[in-house]
Amino acid sequence: MKRFVACWLAIALPFLALDAVWLTLMAQRLYRPALGSIMRPDFDLPAAGAFYLLYFTGVLVFAVRAAASTREALWRGALFGLVAYGTYDLTNQATLVGWPWHITFADLAWGTFATAVAAAIAQRITSRSSRR
C-alpha cells in the first residue's frame, strides 16, 4: 500500500503543477472565449477532486505500473492521456451544439503531454526508490 501511495503522489504532484499552470494561463485566454456562458466562474472542487483521484489511479495502473522503463511510461502515459481527454472532448464534440474543434485539439494535446510527463516522472522516481 505504501508503494501505491508513493507512486500515486509521484503522479499527482507533477500533473497538478502542470495543470495549475495550464489552467491559470488558458482558462481566460482559450476556454472562456470559446465556451462562454457554459463555463463556471470557479471550479467545482468536489468534482475536480473526484476527477484527479480517478485519473491518477488510472495513470498509475495503465501507464506507470505497466511500464518497464521511463520511456515506456512516457508513451503509455501519452496514450492514456489521449484516450481519457479524447473521451471527454470527442463526446462533447458529438453531443453539444457549438463545442469548438480548437478546444478539442488543445485538450487532446494537453492531456497527452501532461499525462506523459507525469507518468514518466513517476516511473523514474518509483523505479529508483524500488532499487534501494
N, C-alpha and C. Protein backbone atom coordinates (compact mmCIF):
# COMPACT_ATOMS: atom_id res chain seq x y z
N MET A 1 0.83 -1.21 0.00
CA MET A 1 0.00 0.00 0.00
C MET A 1 0.86 1.26 0.00
N LYS A 2 1.98 1.20 0.73
CA LYS A 2 2.88 2.35 0.81
C LYS A 2 3.45 2.69 -0.57
N ARG A 3 3.81 1.67 -1.36
CA ARG A 3 4.34 1.91 -2.71
C ARG A 3 3.27 2.49 -3.63
N PHE A 4 2.02 2.01 -3.47
CA PHE A 4 0.91 2.53 -4.26
C PHE A 4 0.73 4.02 -4.00
N VAL A 5 0.70 4.39 -2.74
CA VAL A 5 0.51 5.80 -2.36
C VAL A 5 1.68 6.65 -2.85
N ALA A 6 2.90 6.14 -2.69
CA ALA A 6 4.08 6.89 -3.15
C ALA A 6 4.04 7.10 -4.66
N CYS A 7 3.67 6.08 -5.39
CA CYS A 7 3.58 6.20 -6.85
C CYS A 7 2.45 7.15 -7.24
N TRP A 8 1.33 7.04 -6.56
CA TRP A 8 0.18 7.91 -6.84
C TRP A 8 0.58 9.38 -6.62
N LEU A 9 1.28 9.64 -5.53
CA LEU A 9 1.74 11.01 -5.26
C LEU A 9 2.78 11.48 -6.28
N ALA A 10 3.61 10.55 -6.75
CA ALA A 10 4.62 10.89 -7.76
C ALA A 10 3.97 11.24 -9.09
N ILE A 11 2.77 10.77 -9.31
CA ILE A 11 1.99 11.16 -10.49
C ILE A 11 1.28 12.48 -10.21
N ALA A 12 0.65 12.56 -9.05
CA ALA A 12 -0.20 13.71 -8.72
C ALA A 12 0.57 15.03 -8.68
N LEU A 13 1.72 15.03 -8.05
CA LEU A 13 2.43 16.30 -7.87
C LEU A 13 2.84 16.95 -9.19
N PRO A 14 3.50 16.24 -10.11
CA PRO A 14 3.83 16.92 -11.37
C PRO A 14 2.61 17.25 -12.21
N PHE A 15 1.61 16.35 -12.21
CA PHE A 15 0.43 16.63 -13.01
C PHE A 15 -0.32 17.85 -12.49
N LEU A 16 -0.51 17.91 -11.18
CA LEU A 16 -1.20 19.07 -10.60
C LEU A 16 -0.44 20.37 -10.84
N ALA A 17 0.88 20.31 -10.75
CA ALA A 17 1.68 21.51 -11.02
C ALA A 17 1.51 21.95 -12.48
N LEU A 18 1.62 21.01 -13.40
CA LEU A 18 1.43 21.34 -14.82
C LEU A 18 0.01 21.83 -15.08
N ASP A 19 -0.97 21.15 -14.53
CA ASP A 19 -2.37 21.52 -14.77
C ASP A 19 -2.69 22.89 -14.18
N ALA A 20 -2.11 23.21 -13.04
CA ALA A 20 -2.34 24.53 -12.44
C ALA A 20 -1.82 25.63 -13.35
N VAL A 21 -0.64 25.43 -13.91
CA VAL A 21 -0.08 26.42 -14.84
C VAL A 21 -0.95 26.52 -16.08
N TRP A 22 -1.31 25.37 -16.66
CA TRP A 22 -2.15 25.36 -17.87
C TRP A 22 -3.47 26.06 -17.62
N LEU A 23 -4.17 25.70 -16.57
CA LEU A 23 -5.49 26.28 -16.32
C LEU A 23 -5.39 27.77 -15.97
N THR A 24 -4.35 28.15 -15.25
CA THR A 24 -4.17 29.56 -14.92
C THR A 24 -3.94 30.39 -16.19
N LEU A 25 -3.13 29.87 -17.08
CA LEU A 25 -2.82 30.60 -18.31
C LEU A 25 -3.93 30.53 -19.35
N MET A 26 -4.62 29.40 -19.43
CA MET A 26 -5.52 29.18 -20.55
C MET A 26 -7.01 29.35 -20.25
N ALA A 27 -7.40 29.35 -19.00
CA ALA A 27 -8.83 29.46 -18.70
C ALA A 27 -9.44 30.70 -19.33
N GLN A 28 -8.81 31.85 -19.12
CA GLN A 28 -9.36 33.10 -19.65
C GLN A 28 -9.01 33.32 -21.13
N ARG A 29 -7.87 32.80 -21.55
CA ARG A 29 -7.42 33.02 -22.94
C ARG A 29 -8.07 32.08 -23.95
N LEU A 30 -8.22 30.83 -23.57
CA LEU A 30 -8.69 29.81 -24.51
C LEU A 30 -10.13 29.38 -24.23
N TYR A 31 -10.38 28.95 -23.00
CA TYR A 31 -11.66 28.34 -22.69
C TYR A 31 -12.81 29.34 -22.57
N ARG A 32 -12.61 30.42 -21.83
CA ARG A 32 -13.70 31.38 -21.61
C ARG A 32 -14.20 31.98 -22.94
N PRO A 33 -13.32 32.44 -23.84
CA PRO A 33 -13.84 32.98 -25.10
C PRO A 33 -14.59 31.95 -25.95
N ALA A 34 -14.16 30.70 -25.88
CA ALA A 34 -14.78 29.66 -26.71
C ALA A 34 -16.03 29.07 -26.09
N LEU A 35 -16.05 28.96 -24.76
CA LEU A 35 -17.15 28.27 -24.09
C LEU A 35 -18.12 29.21 -23.40
N GLY A 36 -17.68 30.44 -23.17
CA GLY A 36 -18.55 31.48 -22.66
C GLY A 36 -19.41 31.10 -21.48
N SER A 37 -20.71 31.18 -21.69
CA SER A 37 -21.67 31.05 -20.58
C SER A 37 -21.77 29.65 -20.00
N ILE A 38 -21.27 28.63 -20.69
CA ILE A 38 -21.37 27.29 -20.11
C ILE A 38 -20.22 27.00 -19.15
N MET A 39 -19.26 27.91 -19.08
CA MET A 39 -18.14 27.73 -18.16
C MET A 39 -18.48 28.29 -16.80
N ARG A 40 -18.14 27.54 -15.77
CA ARG A 40 -18.38 28.00 -14.39
C ARG A 40 -17.44 29.17 -14.08
N PRO A 41 -17.86 30.07 -13.19
CA PRO A 41 -16.96 31.15 -12.78
C PRO A 41 -15.80 30.66 -11.91
N ASP A 42 -15.99 29.50 -11.26
CA ASP A 42 -14.93 28.91 -10.44
C ASP A 42 -14.99 27.40 -10.61
N PHE A 43 -14.08 26.69 -9.98
CA PHE A 43 -14.06 25.23 -10.11
C PHE A 43 -14.98 24.59 -9.08
N ASP A 44 -15.58 23.50 -9.49
CA ASP A 44 -16.34 22.65 -8.57
C ASP A 44 -15.31 21.72 -7.94
N LEU A 45 -14.86 22.06 -6.73
CA LEU A 45 -13.77 21.33 -6.09
C LEU A 45 -14.07 19.85 -5.86
N PRO A 46 -15.26 19.47 -5.41
CA PRO A 46 -15.52 18.03 -5.28
C PRO A 46 -15.43 17.28 -6.62
N ALA A 47 -15.96 17.87 -7.67
CA ALA A 47 -15.88 17.22 -8.98
C ALA A 47 -14.44 17.16 -9.47
N ALA A 48 -13.69 18.24 -9.30
CA ALA A 48 -12.28 18.25 -9.70
C ALA A 48 -11.50 17.23 -8.89
N GLY A 49 -11.75 17.16 -7.59
CA GLY A 49 -11.07 16.19 -6.74
C GLY A 49 -11.37 14.77 -7.16
N ALA A 50 -12.62 14.49 -7.49
CA ALA A 50 -13.00 13.15 -7.94
C ALA A 50 -12.31 12.81 -9.25
N PHE A 51 -12.25 13.79 -10.16
CA PHE A 51 -11.54 13.55 -11.43
C PHE A 51 -10.09 13.19 -11.16
N TYR A 52 -9.40 14.01 -10.37
CA TYR A 52 -7.97 13.76 -10.13
C TYR A 52 -7.73 12.43 -9.42
N LEU A 53 -8.55 12.08 -8.45
CA LEU A 53 -8.40 10.78 -7.78
C LEU A 53 -8.52 9.63 -8.77
N LEU A 54 -9.53 9.67 -9.58
CA LEU A 54 -9.76 8.63 -10.57
C LEU A 54 -8.67 8.64 -11.65
N TYR A 55 -8.34 9.81 -12.14
CA TYR A 55 -7.38 9.93 -13.24
C TYR A 55 -5.99 9.46 -12.82
N PHE A 56 -5.52 9.90 -11.66
CA PHE A 56 -4.19 9.49 -11.22
C PHE A 56 -4.12 7.99 -10.96
N THR A 57 -5.20 7.42 -10.49
CA THR A 57 -5.24 5.97 -10.30
C THR A 57 -5.16 5.27 -11.66
N GLY A 58 -5.84 5.78 -12.64
CA GLY A 58 -5.74 5.22 -14.00
C GLY A 58 -4.34 5.34 -14.56
N VAL A 59 -3.70 6.48 -14.39
CA VAL A 59 -2.33 6.65 -14.86
C VAL A 59 -1.41 5.66 -14.16
N LEU A 60 -1.60 5.48 -12.88
CA LEU A 60 -0.78 4.55 -12.11
C LEU A 60 -0.93 3.13 -12.66
N VAL A 61 -2.16 2.67 -12.83
CA VAL A 61 -2.42 1.29 -13.24
C VAL A 61 -2.05 1.05 -14.70
N PHE A 62 -2.45 1.94 -15.59
CA PHE A 62 -2.32 1.69 -17.02
C PHE A 62 -1.04 2.23 -17.65
N ALA A 63 -0.35 3.12 -16.97
CA ALA A 63 0.88 3.68 -17.55
C ALA A 63 2.10 3.38 -16.71
N VAL A 64 2.09 3.75 -15.45
CA VAL A 64 3.31 3.66 -14.64
C VAL A 64 3.59 2.22 -14.22
N ARG A 65 2.64 1.58 -13.58
CA ARG A 65 2.86 0.21 -13.10
C ARG A 65 3.06 -0.77 -14.25
N ALA A 66 2.45 -0.50 -15.39
CA ALA A 66 2.55 -1.40 -16.54
C ALA A 66 3.85 -1.22 -17.32
N ALA A 67 4.62 -0.18 -17.00
CA ALA A 67 5.81 0.15 -17.77
C ALA A 67 7.07 -0.45 -17.16
N ALA A 68 7.95 -0.93 -18.04
CA ALA A 68 9.23 -1.48 -17.60
C ALA A 68 10.34 -0.44 -17.63
N SER A 69 10.05 0.73 -18.21
CA SER A 69 11.07 1.78 -18.32
C SER A 69 10.39 3.15 -18.32
N THR A 70 11.20 4.17 -18.14
CA THR A 70 10.66 5.54 -18.19
C THR A 70 10.12 5.85 -19.57
N ARG A 71 10.81 5.39 -20.61
CA ARG A 71 10.34 5.62 -21.98
C ARG A 71 8.97 4.96 -22.19
N GLU A 72 8.81 3.75 -21.70
CA GLU A 72 7.53 3.07 -21.84
C GLU A 72 6.43 3.78 -21.05
N ALA A 73 6.75 4.26 -19.85
CA ALA A 73 5.78 5.02 -19.06
C ALA A 73 5.38 6.30 -19.80
N LEU A 74 6.34 6.92 -20.47
CA LEU A 74 6.06 8.15 -21.24
C LEU A 74 5.04 7.87 -22.33
N TRP A 75 5.26 6.84 -23.15
CA TRP A 75 4.31 6.59 -24.24
C TRP A 75 2.99 6.02 -23.73
N ARG A 76 3.05 5.19 -22.67
CA ARG A 76 1.79 4.70 -22.10
C ARG A 76 0.99 5.85 -21.48
N GLY A 77 1.68 6.78 -20.81
CA GLY A 77 1.01 7.95 -20.26
C GLY A 77 0.42 8.81 -21.36
N ALA A 78 1.17 9.00 -22.44
CA ALA A 78 0.67 9.78 -23.57
C ALA A 78 -0.60 9.15 -24.13
N LEU A 79 -0.57 7.84 -24.31
CA LEU A 79 -1.75 7.15 -24.86
C LEU A 79 -2.93 7.23 -23.89
N PHE A 80 -2.67 7.02 -22.60
CA PHE A 80 -3.75 7.12 -21.62
C PHE A 80 -4.34 8.52 -21.62
N GLY A 81 -3.49 9.55 -21.65
CA GLY A 81 -3.97 10.92 -21.68
C GLY A 81 -4.79 11.22 -22.92
N LEU A 82 -4.32 10.73 -24.07
CA LEU A 82 -5.06 10.93 -25.32
C LEU A 82 -6.43 10.26 -25.26
N VAL A 83 -6.48 9.05 -24.76
CA VAL A 83 -7.76 8.32 -24.67
C VAL A 83 -8.71 9.01 -23.69
N ALA A 84 -8.19 9.35 -22.51
CA ALA A 84 -9.06 9.96 -21.49
C ALA A 84 -9.56 11.33 -21.93
N TYR A 85 -8.66 12.19 -22.36
CA TYR A 85 -9.08 13.52 -22.79
C TYR A 85 -9.91 13.43 -24.07
N GLY A 86 -9.58 12.48 -24.94
CA GLY A 86 -10.36 12.28 -26.14
C GLY A 86 -11.78 11.84 -25.84
N THR A 87 -11.93 10.98 -24.84
CA THR A 87 -13.27 10.54 -24.44
C THR A 87 -14.13 11.74 -24.05
N TYR A 88 -13.56 12.61 -23.23
CA TYR A 88 -14.30 13.79 -22.79
C TYR A 88 -14.59 14.74 -23.95
N ASP A 89 -13.55 15.14 -24.65
CA ASP A 89 -13.72 16.18 -25.67
C ASP A 89 -14.50 15.69 -26.89
N LEU A 90 -14.24 14.48 -27.33
CA LEU A 90 -14.97 14.00 -28.51
C LEU A 90 -16.43 13.69 -28.19
N THR A 91 -16.72 13.30 -26.95
CA THR A 91 -18.12 13.16 -26.54
C THR A 91 -18.80 14.53 -26.56
N ASN A 92 -18.11 15.55 -26.04
CA ASN A 92 -18.67 16.90 -26.11
C ASN A 92 -18.85 17.34 -27.56
N GLN A 93 -17.86 17.04 -28.39
CA GLN A 93 -17.93 17.39 -29.81
C GLN A 93 -19.15 16.75 -30.47
N ALA A 94 -19.43 15.52 -30.09
CA ALA A 94 -20.53 14.77 -30.70
C ALA A 94 -21.90 15.15 -30.17
N THR A 95 -21.96 15.68 -28.95
CA THR A 95 -23.26 15.86 -28.31
C THR A 95 -23.65 17.30 -27.99
N LEU A 96 -22.70 18.20 -27.96
CA LEU A 96 -23.01 19.58 -27.59
C LEU A 96 -22.98 20.50 -28.81
N VAL A 97 -24.00 21.29 -28.94
CA VAL A 97 -24.05 22.25 -30.03
C VAL A 97 -23.00 23.33 -29.78
N GLY A 98 -22.19 23.58 -30.76
CA GLY A 98 -21.23 24.67 -30.66
C GLY A 98 -19.94 24.34 -29.93
N TRP A 99 -19.68 23.07 -29.61
CA TRP A 99 -18.41 22.74 -28.97
C TRP A 99 -17.32 22.96 -30.02
N PRO A 100 -16.36 23.84 -29.73
CA PRO A 100 -15.37 24.20 -30.76
C PRO A 100 -14.27 23.15 -30.96
N TRP A 101 -13.95 22.89 -32.20
CA TRP A 101 -12.88 21.94 -32.52
C TRP A 101 -11.54 22.36 -31.94
N HIS A 102 -11.27 23.66 -31.90
CA HIS A 102 -9.95 24.07 -31.39
C HIS A 102 -9.80 23.75 -29.90
N ILE A 103 -10.90 23.71 -29.17
CA ILE A 103 -10.85 23.28 -27.76
C ILE A 103 -10.53 21.79 -27.70
N THR A 104 -11.18 21.01 -28.54
CA THR A 104 -10.91 19.57 -28.58
C THR A 104 -9.44 19.32 -28.88
N PHE A 105 -8.90 19.96 -29.90
CA PHE A 105 -7.50 19.73 -30.26
C PHE A 105 -6.54 20.19 -29.17
N ALA A 106 -6.82 21.34 -28.56
CA ALA A 106 -5.96 21.84 -27.47
C ALA A 106 -6.00 20.88 -26.28
N ASP A 107 -7.18 20.41 -25.92
CA ASP A 107 -7.30 19.48 -24.79
C ASP A 107 -6.61 18.15 -25.07
N LEU A 108 -6.78 17.63 -26.29
CA LEU A 108 -6.11 16.37 -26.63
C LEU A 108 -4.60 16.52 -26.53
N ALA A 109 -4.07 17.61 -27.05
CA ALA A 109 -2.62 17.84 -26.96
C ALA A 109 -2.19 18.00 -25.51
N TRP A 110 -2.97 18.77 -24.74
CA TRP A 110 -2.63 18.99 -23.34
C TRP A 110 -2.68 17.70 -22.53
N GLY A 111 -3.76 16.97 -22.63
CA GLY A 111 -3.91 15.72 -21.87
C GLY A 111 -2.83 14.71 -22.22
N THR A 112 -2.48 14.63 -23.49
CA THR A 112 -1.42 13.71 -23.94
C THR A 112 -0.09 14.12 -23.33
N PHE A 113 0.25 15.39 -23.44
CA PHE A 113 1.53 15.89 -22.93
C PHE A 113 1.64 15.79 -21.41
N ALA A 114 0.67 16.33 -20.70
CA ALA A 114 0.76 16.38 -19.23
C ALA A 114 0.77 14.98 -18.62
N THR A 115 -0.02 14.09 -19.18
CA THR A 115 -0.07 12.73 -18.64
C THR A 115 1.22 11.98 -18.94
N ALA A 116 1.77 12.17 -20.13
CA ALA A 116 3.04 11.54 -20.48
C ALA A 116 4.15 11.98 -19.54
N VAL A 117 4.24 13.28 -19.30
CA VAL A 117 5.27 13.82 -18.41
C VAL A 117 5.11 13.30 -16.99
N ALA A 118 3.89 13.35 -16.47
CA ALA A 118 3.65 12.88 -15.10
C ALA A 118 3.94 11.39 -14.96
N ALA A 119 3.56 10.60 -15.94
CA ALA A 119 3.81 9.15 -15.88
C ALA A 119 5.31 8.86 -15.93
N ALA A 120 6.03 9.56 -16.79
CA ALA A 120 7.47 9.34 -16.90
C ALA A 120 8.19 9.75 -15.61
N ILE A 121 7.82 10.88 -15.05
CA ILE A 121 8.42 11.33 -13.79
C ILE A 121 8.13 10.32 -12.68
N ALA A 122 6.89 9.88 -12.59
CA ALA A 122 6.52 8.93 -11.53
C ALA A 122 7.25 7.60 -11.71
N GLN A 123 7.37 7.12 -12.93
CA GLN A 123 8.06 5.86 -13.16
C GLN A 123 9.53 5.99 -12.79
N ARG A 124 10.13 7.10 -13.15
CA ARG A 124 11.55 7.33 -12.83
C ARG A 124 11.76 7.37 -11.32
N ILE A 125 10.92 8.11 -10.63
CA ILE A 125 11.04 8.23 -9.16
C ILE A 125 10.79 6.89 -8.49
N THR A 126 9.73 6.22 -8.86
CA THR A 126 9.38 4.98 -8.17
C THR A 126 10.31 3.84 -8.53
N SER A 127 10.86 3.82 -9.75
CA SER A 127 11.80 2.75 -10.09
C SER A 127 13.12 2.94 -9.35
N ARG A 128 13.53 4.18 -9.13
CA ARG A 128 14.73 4.44 -8.35
C ARG A 128 14.56 4.03 -6.90
N SER A 129 13.39 4.36 -6.33
CA SER A 129 13.16 4.05 -4.92
C SER A 129 12.99 2.54 -4.70
N SER A 130 12.51 1.82 -5.70
CA SER A 130 12.35 0.39 -5.54
C SER A 130 13.67 -0.36 -5.66
N ARG A 131 14.69 0.27 -6.28
CA ARG A 131 16.01 -0.35 -6.39
C ARG A 131 16.81 -0.23 -5.11
N ARG A 132 16.40 0.63 -4.22
CA ARG A 132 17.15 0.85 -2.98
C ARG A 132 16.93 -0.23 -1.97
